Protein backbone atom coordinates (compact mmCIF):
# COMPACT_ATOMS: atom_id res chain seq x y z
CA MET A 1 -4.29 -0.46 -3.96
CA SER A 2 -3.89 -3.08 -1.23
CA VAL A 3 -6.89 -3.31 1.10
CA THR A 4 -5.35 -5.08 4.11
CA PRO A 5 -2.84 -3.07 6.16
CA PHE A 6 0.75 -4.31 5.78
CA ALA A 7 -0.27 -6.86 3.13
CA PRO A 8 2.50 -8.44 1.02
CA GLY A 9 3.23 -6.16 -1.91
CA SER A 10 1.91 -3.09 -0.13
CA VAL A 11 3.76 0.22 -0.13
CA SER A 12 3.05 2.68 2.67
CA LEU A 13 4.32 6.10 3.70
CA ARG A 14 5.44 7.19 7.16
CA LEU A 15 4.19 10.67 8.06
CA TYR A 16 5.83 13.00 10.57
CA PRO A 17 4.71 16.30 12.10
CA HIS A 18 6.30 19.59 11.11
CA ASN A 19 6.91 20.67 14.69
CA ASP A 20 7.88 24.21 13.74
CA LEU A 21 4.21 24.84 12.92
CA PRO A 22 1.37 25.59 15.37
CA ALA A 23 -0.44 22.46 16.53
CA GLU A 24 -3.56 23.02 14.45
CA ARG A 25 -1.49 23.48 11.30
CA ILE A 26 0.50 20.31 12.06
CA VAL A 27 -2.75 18.36 12.03
CA GLU A 28 -3.88 20.04 8.81
CA ALA A 29 -0.57 19.37 7.08
CA MET A 30 -0.50 15.69 8.04
CA ARG A 31 -4.09 15.16 6.93
CA ALA A 32 -3.29 16.81 3.59
CA GLN A 33 -0.19 14.66 3.16
CA ALA A 34 -2.16 11.49 3.91
CA VAL A 35 -4.64 12.36 1.17
CA LEU A 36 -1.79 13.15 -1.21
CA ALA A 37 -0.16 9.81 -0.37
CA VAL A 38 -3.14 7.68 -1.36
CA GLU A 39 -3.64 9.79 -4.47
CA ALA A 40 -0.02 8.99 -5.35
CA GLY A 41 -0.76 5.27 -5.08
CA PHE A 42 0.40 4.47 -1.55
CA ASP A 43 -1.69 1.78 0.12
CA GLY A 44 -1.62 3.41 3.53
CA VAL A 45 0.20 5.64 5.99
CA MET A 46 1.90 5.18 9.35
CA THR A 47 2.44 7.45 12.33
CA SER A 48 4.99 6.92 15.11
CA GLU A 49 5.55 8.00 18.71
CA HIS A 50 7.86 10.00 20.95
CA HIS A 51 6.90 12.52 23.61
CA GLY A 52 7.78 16.07 24.60
CA GLY A 53 8.13 17.31 21.02
CA PHE A 54 11.12 15.08 20.42
CA GLY A 55 12.69 15.06 16.96
CA GLY A 56 9.59 15.56 14.85
CA TYR A 57 7.44 12.83 16.39
CA LEU A 58 3.90 12.65 17.76
CA PRO A 59 2.79 11.76 21.30
CA ASN A 60 -0.56 10.43 19.98
CA PRO A 61 -0.01 8.24 16.89
CA LEU A 62 -3.25 6.30 17.36
CA GLN A 63 -5.37 9.42 17.64
CA MET A 64 -3.63 10.90 14.61
CA ALA A 65 -4.32 7.73 12.61
CA GLY A 66 -8.02 8.32 13.20
CA TRP A 67 -7.78 11.92 12.05
CA LEU A 68 -5.96 10.81 8.91
CA LEU A 69 -8.55 8.17 8.09
CA GLU A 70 -11.30 10.77 8.34
CA ALA A 71 -9.52 12.75 5.62
CA MET A 72 -8.40 9.88 3.36
CA PRO A 73 -10.84 8.76 0.66
CA ARG A 74 -9.32 5.26 0.74
CA GLY A 75 -6.32 3.39 2.08
CA TRP A 76 -5.36 2.39 5.60
CA ALA A 77 -3.62 4.02 8.55
CA ALA A 78 -1.67 2.56 11.44
CA PRO A 79 0.07 3.87 14.53
CA CYS A 80 3.37 2.15 13.84
CA PRO A 81 5.22 1.93 16.01
CA LEU A 82 3.21 2.80 19.09
CA LEU A 83 5.22 2.44 22.33
CA LEU A 84 3.24 -0.33 23.99
CA PRO A 85 4.75 -0.31 27.51
CA LEU A 86 3.62 3.30 28.03
CA ARG A 87 -0.05 2.28 28.25
CA PRO A 88 -2.12 -0.78 29.26
CA TRP A 89 -2.37 -3.36 26.49
CA ALA A 90 -6.14 -3.58 26.98
CA LEU A 91 -6.55 0.15 26.32
CA VAL A 92 -4.59 -0.18 23.08
CA ALA A 93 -6.65 -3.18 21.97
CA GLU A 94 -9.93 -1.40 22.74
CA GLU A 95 -9.02 1.80 20.94
CA ILE A 96 -7.67 0.00 17.86
CA ALA A 97 -10.66 -2.33 17.66
CA TRP A 98 -13.14 0.54 17.89
CA LEU A 99 -11.22 2.56 15.31
CA ASP A 100 -11.44 -0.43 12.97
CA ALA A 101 -15.17 -0.62 13.63
CA ARG A 102 -15.40 2.97 12.39
CA PHE A 103 -13.11 2.32 9.39
CA PRO A 104 -13.54 -1.40 8.65
CA GLY A 105 -10.45 -3.11 7.31
CA ARG A 106 -8.47 0.12 7.19
CA VAL A 107 -6.65 -0.03 10.54
CA GLY A 108 -3.39 -1.70 11.52
CA LEU A 109 -1.12 -1.54 14.55
CA GLY A 110 2.62 -1.66 14.99
CA VAL A 111 4.23 -1.71 18.43
CA ALA A 112 7.68 -1.23 19.93
CA ALA A 113 9.16 -1.42 23.40
CA GLY A 114 10.67 2.07 23.33
CA SER A 115 14.19 3.11 24.23
CA LEU A 116 14.19 6.86 24.87
CA GLU A 117 14.41 7.55 28.62
CA ALA A 118 12.44 10.79 28.30
CA ASP A 119 9.38 8.96 26.95
CA PHE A 120 9.12 6.89 30.12
CA ALA A 121 9.88 9.79 32.45
CA ILE A 122 7.20 11.97 30.85
CA MET A 123 4.67 9.17 31.29
CA ASP A 124 5.71 8.82 34.94
CA THR A 125 7.00 5.29 34.49
CA ASN A 126 10.35 3.60 33.93
CA LYS A 127 12.08 0.94 31.85
CA ASP A 128 12.29 -1.61 34.64
CA ASP A 129 11.61 -5.13 33.37
CA LEU A 130 10.90 -3.62 29.97
CA VAL A 131 11.45 -6.77 27.90
CA ARG A 132 8.97 -8.81 29.93
CA ARG A 133 6.39 -6.01 29.93
CA PHE A 134 6.61 -5.60 26.19
CA ALA A 135 6.51 -9.35 25.48
CA GLU A 136 3.39 -9.81 27.59
CA GLY A 137 1.69 -6.79 26.07
CA LEU A 138 2.52 -7.88 22.52
CA ALA A 139 1.16 -11.38 23.09
CA ARG A 140 -2.08 -10.14 24.63
CA VAL A 141 -2.84 -7.30 22.24
CA THR A 142 -2.11 -9.52 19.22
CA ALA A 143 -4.30 -12.31 20.57
CA ALA A 144 -7.14 -9.87 21.24
CA LEU A 145 -7.00 -8.08 17.88
CA SER A 146 -6.71 -11.35 15.96
CA GLY A 147 -9.87 -12.59 17.66
CA ARG A 148 -8.09 -15.63 19.08
CA ASP A 149 -8.30 -14.62 22.73
CA PRO A 150 -9.76 -11.29 23.85
CA GLY A 151 -9.25 -12.27 27.49
CA PRO A 152 -11.02 -9.87 29.85
CA LEU A 153 -12.25 -7.88 26.84
CA ALA A 154 -14.50 -10.68 25.59
CA GLY A 155 -17.62 -8.64 26.31
CA ASP A 156 -16.51 -5.69 24.20
CA PRO A 157 -18.44 -5.60 20.87
CA ALA A 158 -15.50 -4.21 18.93
CA LEU A 159 -13.15 -6.92 20.23
CA ALA A 160 -15.78 -9.58 19.52
CA ARG A 161 -15.88 -8.29 15.95
CA CYS A 162 -12.15 -9.09 15.57
CA ALA A 163 -12.95 -12.81 15.43
CA ALA A 164 -14.35 -12.24 11.93
CA HIS A 165 -12.37 -9.10 11.12
CA PRO A 166 -8.89 -9.35 12.68
CA VAL A 167 -6.64 -6.30 12.86
CA PRO A 168 -3.03 -7.02 11.77
CA VAL A 169 -0.21 -6.29 14.21
CA LEU A 170 3.51 -5.70 13.59
CA SER A 171 6.32 -5.72 16.12
CA ALA A 172 9.47 -3.65 15.73
CA ALA A 173 12.41 -6.01 15.44
CA MET A 174 16.15 -5.42 15.65
CA SER A 175 17.21 -8.69 17.31
CA ARG A 176 16.78 -12.44 17.04
CA THR A 177 14.88 -12.47 20.32
CA ALA A 178 12.41 -9.92 18.94
CA CYS A 179 11.78 -12.13 15.88
CA ARG A 180 11.09 -15.21 17.98
CA ARG A 181 8.78 -13.17 20.21
CA ALA A 182 6.80 -11.84 17.26
CA ALA A 183 6.49 -15.25 15.63
CA SER A 184 5.21 -16.75 18.88
CA ALA A 185 2.66 -13.96 19.33
CA GLY A 186 1.41 -14.12 15.74
CA ALA A 187 2.62 -10.60 14.91
CA GLY A 188 4.51 -9.52 11.81
CA LEU A 189 7.79 -7.61 11.75
CA ILE A 190 8.80 -4.07 10.92
CA PHE A 191 12.49 -3.31 10.68
CA ALA A 192 14.31 -0.12 11.58
CA GLY A 193 15.03 2.04 8.56
CA THR A 194 18.71 2.07 9.46
CA SER A 195 19.09 -1.74 9.45
CA SER A 196 21.37 -3.25 6.82
CA ASN A 197 20.08 -5.70 4.23
CA ASP A 198 22.18 -8.52 5.67
CA HIS A 199 20.83 -7.97 9.18
CA CYS A 200 17.23 -7.81 7.92
CA ARG A 201 17.73 -11.01 5.94
CA GLU A 202 19.03 -12.81 8.99
CA LEU A 203 16.00 -11.71 10.99
CA THR A 204 13.50 -12.53 8.23
CA ASP A 205 14.87 -16.04 7.81
CA LEU A 206 14.79 -16.64 11.55
CA TYR A 207 11.24 -15.32 11.84
CA ARG A 208 10.02 -17.64 9.09
CA ALA A 209 11.94 -20.58 10.59
CA GLU A 210 10.24 -19.92 13.93
CA GLY A 211 6.84 -20.21 12.27
CA GLY A 212 6.14 -16.53 11.63
CA THR A 213 3.62 -16.15 8.80
CA ALA A 214 2.58 -12.49 9.07
CA PRO A 215 3.99 -9.71 6.85
CA VAL A 216 7.57 -8.47 7.14
CA VAL A 217 7.84 -4.75 6.42
CA LEU A 218 11.08 -3.13 5.27
CA VAL A 219 11.56 0.58 6.03
CA ARG A 220 13.65 2.73 3.72
CA ARG A 221 14.24 6.47 3.40
CA VAL A 222 13.95 7.90 -0.10
CA TRP A 223 14.47 11.25 -1.79
CA VAL A 224 13.40 12.08 -5.33
CA GLY A 225 16.27 13.90 -7.03
CA GLU A 226 19.46 14.86 -5.26
CA GLY A 227 20.56 16.83 -2.22
CA GLY A 228 18.91 14.93 0.62
CA HIS A 229 21.95 13.20 2.08
CA GLU A 230 23.12 16.05 4.30
CA ARG A 231 19.76 16.46 6.00
CA HIS A 232 19.37 12.71 6.31
CA ALA A 233 22.73 12.61 8.11
CA LYS A 234 21.26 14.95 10.74
CA GLN A 235 18.38 12.54 11.26
CA VAL A 236 20.83 9.66 11.72
CA ASP A 237 22.70 11.71 14.33
CA LEU A 238 19.40 12.03 16.19
CA TYR A 239 18.99 8.25 16.16
CA ARG A 240 22.51 7.82 17.48
CA SER A 241 21.59 9.94 20.50
CA TYR A 242 19.37 7.20 21.92
CA THR A 243 20.54 3.90 20.41
CA SER A 244 23.26 1.62 21.69
CA GLY A 245 26.51 0.78 19.95
CA ALA A 246 25.28 -2.79 19.53
CA GLN A 247 22.22 -1.56 17.66
CA GLN A 248 24.27 0.79 15.50
CA SER A 249 26.55 -2.06 14.48
CA LYS A 250 23.59 -3.50 12.53
CA TRP A 251 23.01 -0.33 10.55
CA GLY A 252 23.62 -0.16 6.83
CA GLY A 253 26.23 2.11 5.31
CA GLU A 254 24.08 3.99 2.78
CA GLN A 255 20.76 4.63 4.48
CA GLN A 256 19.03 6.97 2.05
CA ILE A 257 18.04 6.13 -1.50
CA GLU A 258 17.89 9.09 -3.83
CA GLY A 259 17.82 9.66 -7.57
CA THR A 260 15.28 9.36 -10.36
CA PRO A 261 12.06 7.43 -9.72
CA ALA A 262 13.34 4.51 -11.79
CA GLU A 263 16.61 4.41 -9.84
CA ILE A 264 14.78 4.53 -6.51
CA ALA A 265 12.41 1.73 -7.55
CA GLN A 266 15.31 -0.39 -8.76
CA ARG A 267 17.13 -0.04 -5.44
CA LEU A 268 13.99 -0.72 -3.39
CA LEU A 269 13.21 -3.87 -5.33
CA ALA A 270 16.78 -5.02 -4.85
CA ASP A 271 16.50 -4.37 -1.10
CA LEU A 272 13.25 -6.34 -0.92
CA ALA A 273 14.88 -9.27 -2.65
CA ALA A 274 17.98 -9.06 -0.45
CA THR A 275 16.06 -8.90 2.83
CA GLY A 276 13.21 -11.31 2.10
CA ALA A 277 10.69 -8.67 3.23
CA ASP A 278 7.34 -8.60 1.47
CA ALA A 279 6.12 -5.02 2.04
CA LEU A 280 7.65 -1.55 2.07
CA ASN A 281 7.29 1.52 4.25
CA LEU A 282 8.90 4.66 2.83
CA ARG A 283 9.95 7.84 4.61
CA ILE A 284 10.84 11.21 3.13
CA HIS A 285 10.92 13.45 6.19
CA VAL A 286 14.28 14.79 7.30
CA PRO A 287 15.21 17.73 9.54
CA GLY A 288 14.24 21.04 7.96
CA VAL A 289 11.86 19.71 5.33
CA SER A 290 8.92 22.06 4.85
CA PRO A 291 5.30 20.96 4.32
CA GLU A 292 5.51 22.21 0.74
CA GLU A 293 8.72 20.29 0.09
CA ALA A 294 7.27 17.15 1.66
CA ALA A 295 4.17 17.44 -0.52
CA THR A 296 6.33 17.75 -3.64
CA HIS A 297 8.28 14.61 -2.76
CA ILE A 298 5.14 12.62 -1.92
CA ALA A 299 3.67 13.48 -5.31
CA GLY A 300 7.04 12.70 -6.92
CA LEU A 301 6.94 9.20 -5.47
CA SER A 302 3.85 8.34 -7.51
CA GLU A 303 6.02 6.95 -10.28
CA VAL A 304 8.13 4.99 -7.79
CA VAL A 305 5.03 3.36 -6.30
CA GLY A 306 3.75 2.50 -9.78
CA LEU A 307 7.00 0.79 -10.70
CA LEU A 308 7.07 -1.10 -7.41
CA LYS A 309 3.53 -2.34 -7.96
CA GLN A 310 4.54 -3.62 -11.39
CA GLY A 311 7.13 -5.75 -9.66
CA ASN A 312 9.78 -4.62 -12.10
CA HIS A 313 11.39 -1.44 -13.30
CA PRO A 314 12.62 -0.01 -16.57
CA SER A 315 16.39 -0.08 -16.81
CA PRO A 316 18.48 2.07 -19.14
CA PRO A 317 20.22 0.12 -21.89
CA PRO A 318 23.93 -0.67 -21.52
CA GLY A 319 26.06 2.22 -22.68
CA ALA A 320 23.50 4.84 -21.68
CA GLU A 321 24.82 8.15 -20.41
CA ARG A 322 22.75 9.82 -17.73
CA ASP A 323 21.70 13.46 -18.02
CA LEU A 324 21.02 14.53 -14.43
CA LYS A 325 19.25 17.74 -15.39
CA LYS A 326 16.86 16.13 -17.85
CA GLY A 327 16.42 12.91 -15.89
CA GLU A 328 17.03 10.80 -19.00
CA TYR A 329 19.65 8.69 -20.73
CA SER A 330 20.96 8.88 -24.26
CA PHE A 331 22.65 6.04 -26.09
CA GLN A 332 23.84 4.80 -29.46
CA THR A 333 22.40 1.41 -30.33
CA PRO A 334 22.40 -0.81 -33.42
CA MET A 335 18.99 -2.51 -33.45
CA ARG A 336 18.80 -6.00 -34.86
CA GLY A 337 15.88 -8.38 -35.01
CA SER A 338 12.64 -8.97 -36.83
CA LEU A 339 8.99 -8.13 -36.57
CA MET A 340 6.47 -10.91 -36.16
CA ALA A 341 5.56 -10.31 -39.82
CA GLY A 342 9.17 -10.86 -40.82
CA LEU A 343 10.03 -7.25 -41.59
CA PRO A 344 13.63 -6.32 -40.73
CA VAL A 345 14.39 -3.69 -38.14
CA SER A 346 16.89 -1.04 -39.12
CA THR A 347 20.47 -1.75 -38.10
CA ARG A 348 21.54 1.86 -38.51
CA PRO A 349 22.85 3.27 -35.20
CA GLU A 350 20.54 6.00 -34.00
CA LYS A 351 20.58 8.45 -31.13
CA ARG A 352 17.77 7.43 -28.81
CA ARG A 353 16.42 8.67 -25.51
CA TRP A 354 15.37 6.62 -22.53
CA LYS A 355 12.96 7.85 -19.87
CA SER A 356 10.75 6.13 -17.37
CA PRO A 357 7.27 5.34 -18.76
CA SER A 358 5.30 8.04 -16.98
CA VAL A 359 7.64 10.75 -18.23
CA ALA A 360 7.90 9.76 -21.88
CA VAL A 361 7.06 6.54 -23.70
CA ARG A 362 10.05 5.10 -25.45
CA SER A 363 9.58 4.69 -29.19
CA TYR A 364 11.50 2.81 -31.88
CA GLN A 365 11.25 3.80 -35.54
CA LEU A 366 10.43 0.82 -37.70
CA PRO A 367 10.66 0.56 -41.50
CA LEU A 368 7.79 1.11 -43.97
CA SER A 369 6.51 4.02 -41.85
CA ALA A 370 5.44 1.55 -39.18
CA SER A 371 5.96 2.52 -35.55
CA CYS A 372 5.31 1.05 -32.15
CA GLN A 373 5.18 2.70 -28.76
CA CYS A 374 5.42 0.60 -25.65
CA CYS A 375 6.58 0.91 -22.05
CA SER A 376 8.68 -2.22 -22.34
CA ALA A 377 12.31 -2.05 -23.39
CA VAL A 378 11.65 -3.42 -26.89
CA PRO A 379 8.47 -3.18 -29.00
CA PRO A 380 6.26 -6.27 -29.08
CA GLY A 381 7.51 -8.87 -31.54
CA VAL A 382 10.91 -7.22 -31.85
CA THR A 383 14.09 -8.76 -30.59
CA ALA A 384 17.00 -6.44 -30.10
CA ARG A 385 20.58 -6.70 -28.98
CA VAL A 386 22.16 -3.59 -27.53
CA GLN A 387 25.92 -3.31 -27.37
CA GLY A 388 28.00 -0.93 -25.32
CA PRO A 389 29.87 -0.39 -22.08
CA SER A 390 28.16 -0.50 -18.70
CA VAL A 391 26.03 2.42 -17.56
CA ARG A 392 28.03 5.25 -16.07
């Protein structure tokens, strides 16, 4: 488990409220899901912000992060993104710094400018000069939480502590200007979950070229099994209600990754490589998902997280035919090769099964009653060539 929030190689989970529940049960459900997430291997959790009960969001992501940390036996939590222009930067810096004093090294912060008109109206403010307000707030809160320059907060003990124990900050980024701004401020990046790989790669490369050295976090929606696309489409329609056509032009075509844990891990690793990002934030919540269903999917992602932490994933051999109901592949393969001791491996084609390691260890029958079980594709010391058409 990664200790530092947003650290390269980390995998976190975004949590959302089930707004059809009473308020006290929403808090209980999110705390339970945070505990389940770290038990499943996630490094931390994130909460995000909209107001007025909009679309399954929270008005108080920073406060909720504290409640989650109280429940979690380990791991980090971060309001990410928190809408920075809705509150004074100094208040955000103070509250984050003091939360980190209570949970040392387990707090992060992600910020965004905000785009939903209702959020600003509810807070009795407006979007006038929004870009400048956000840029100034980002620069100051990042400088304070990094310990470089607390400004007028220099006398605050929690902010003074940041000089030795900085709190990492991410900035939401969908444009080249946003990347330059984050690099200049010393903040990392977090991309929108709808952004295409090509767009993310362009932004990552620019951020690094501008001197950005903090983590870059890729957001992706996942669903263990099948049947999540229709509900995900409803969530995308919600995003369309408050994003511009220019922003939507940067969206990817297939925005939800679903399938077996091995298939999900394979796609996520490919997306990381394609975008140049170095950390992942996963989301499972879609309209209509129940707390029980969410809990099942969080637990089901344990295998995905394990494969991501390995940095690789088991792939079915060429020619494998997928059984959707059993979640496995079957294939005919002539095995050729030799053991380290020089014993031949049988060349007789055999019906074999392939499953991901946590479901069933793959085994190969060797001669002279010898056997080897391993979670790699071929037993140690054995070389094998598998022939067949591409996976269907």
